[in-house]
Amino acid sequence: MSGDIGSMPPGSVIITPTQMYSEIRVMAGKVDHLAAVLDPALSDIRADVAEGKVERRALSERIAAVEKRMWVASGFALAGGAGLAQLVTYIGG
């Protein structure tokens, strides 16, 4: 194209550098606005995630304590069952 407007295809649009700059400035303003809105929300989400990690850690510790008690109780039950079986065998003889 030689720059002659008459040689442009029908429906073509001419955008000047000034118009392009203006649109870029408008877009930059919108991006700045979105960043201002999203930054506090992202901070809240990060705080919630950190709090969730602390809660998850506390729950894991409680579960580990319950599991430990269960293993101890099952050990006593196993020993008691074996002892009872020996006693029955001894008595029944």
Protein backbone atom coordinates (compact mmCIF):
# COMPACT_ATOMS: atom_id res chain seq x y z
CA MET A 1 0.00 0.00 0.00
CA SER A 2 1.35 3.35 -0.95
CA GLY A 3 -0.46 5.24 1.81
CA ASP A 4 -3.14 6.50 -0.54
CA ILE A 5 -6.50 6.32 1.30
CA GLY A 6 -8.24 5.60 -2.00
CA SER A 7 -6.32 2.32 -2.38
CA MET A 8 -7.45 0.93 0.99
CA PRO A 9 -9.96 -1.93 0.98
CA PRO A 10 -13.55 -1.04 1.83
CA GLY A 11 -14.27 -1.10 5.57
CA SER A 12 -10.66 -0.40 6.54
CA VAL A 13 -10.01 1.65 9.65
CA ILE A 14 -7.22 4.16 10.05
CA ILE A 15 -5.85 4.54 13.57
CA THR A 16 -3.42 7.34 14.19
CA PRO A 17 -0.54 7.05 16.66
CA THR A 18 -2.30 9.65 18.84
CA GLN A 19 -5.45 7.51 18.99
CA MET A 20 -3.39 4.41 19.75
CA TYR A 21 -1.57 6.21 22.57
CA SER A 22 -4.86 7.45 23.99
CA GLU A 23 -6.35 3.94 23.99
CA ILE A 24 -3.22 2.52 25.63
CA ARG A 25 -3.47 5.15 28.39
CA VAL A 26 -7.14 4.23 28.96
CA MET A 27 -6.21 0.54 29.14
CA ALA A 28 -3.36 1.31 31.56
CA GLY A 29 -5.83 3.13 33.81
CA LYS A 30 -8.14 0.11 33.80
CA VAL A 31 -5.26 -2.24 34.64
CA ASP A 32 -4.21 0.03 37.51
CA HIS A 33 -7.78 0.04 38.81
CA LEU A 34 -7.99 -3.77 38.62
CA ALA A 35 -4.68 -4.09 40.46
CA ALA A 36 -5.94 -1.78 43.20
CA VAL A 37 -9.08 -3.91 43.57
CA LEU A 38 -7.37 -7.31 43.37
CA ASP A 39 -4.35 -6.68 45.61
CA PRO A 40 -6.38 -6.51 48.88
CA ALA A 41 -8.43 -9.54 47.83
CA LEU A 42 -5.26 -11.51 47.11
CA SER A 43 -3.85 -10.49 50.48
CA ASP A 44 -6.99 -11.80 52.17
CA ILE A 45 -6.74 -15.06 50.25
CA ARG A 46 -3.08 -15.45 51.22
CA ALA A 47 -3.98 -14.87 54.89
CA ASP A 48 -6.80 -17.44 54.67
CA VAL A 49 -4.45 -20.00 53.12
CA ALA A 50 -1.84 -19.39 55.83
CA GLU A 51 -4.53 -19.76 58.52
CA GLY A 52 -5.71 -22.96 56.87
CA LYS A 53 -2.18 -24.37 57.00
CA VAL A 54 -2.03 -23.65 60.74
CA GLU A 55 -5.43 -25.28 61.29
CA ARG A 56 -4.42 -28.28 59.16
CA ARG A 57 -1.21 -28.67 61.18
CA ALA A 58 -3.18 -28.60 64.45
CA LEU A 59 -5.62 -31.20 63.12
CA SER A 60 -2.76 -33.40 61.97
CA GLU A 61 -1.24 -33.25 65.45
CA ARG A 62 -4.58 -34.21 67.03
CA ILE A 63 -5.02 -37.09 64.59
CA ALA A 64 -1.50 -38.31 65.35
CA ALA A 65 -2.26 -38.25 69.10
CA VAL A 66 -5.48 -40.25 68.58
CA GLU A 67 -3.65 -42.75 66.33
CA LYS A 68 -0.98 -43.18 69.02
CA ARG A 69 -3.65 -43.93 71.62
CA MET A 70 -5.31 -46.40 69.25
CA TRP A 71 -2.03 -48.26 68.69
CA VAL A 72 -1.39 -48.41 72.43
CA ALA A 73 -4.93 -49.63 73.09
CA SER A 74 -4.71 -52.24 70.32
CA GLY A 75 -1.37 -53.42 71.75
CA PHE A 76 -2.94 -53.87 75.17
CA ALA A 77 -5.92 -55.64 73.58
CA LEU A 78 -3.59 -57.96 71.68
CA ALA A 79 -1.54 -58.74 74.79
CA GLY A 80 -4.70 -59.21 76.85
CA GLY A 81 -6.21 -61.50 74.21
CA ALA A 82 -3.06 -63.58 74.02
CA GLY A 83 -2.89 -63.77 77.80
CA LEU A 84 -6.55 -64.78 78.00
CA ALA A 85 -5.99 -67.47 75.34
CA GLN A 86 -3.04 -68.83 77.35
CA LEU A 87 -5.14 -68.81 80.52
CA VAL A 88 -8.00 -70.66 78.83
CA THR A 89 -5.54 -73.19 77.41
CA TYR A 90 -3.91 -73.63 80.83
CA ILE A 91 -7.25 -74.03 82.64
CA GLY A 92 -8.80 -76.22 79.96
CA GLY A 93 -5.64 -78.11 79.69
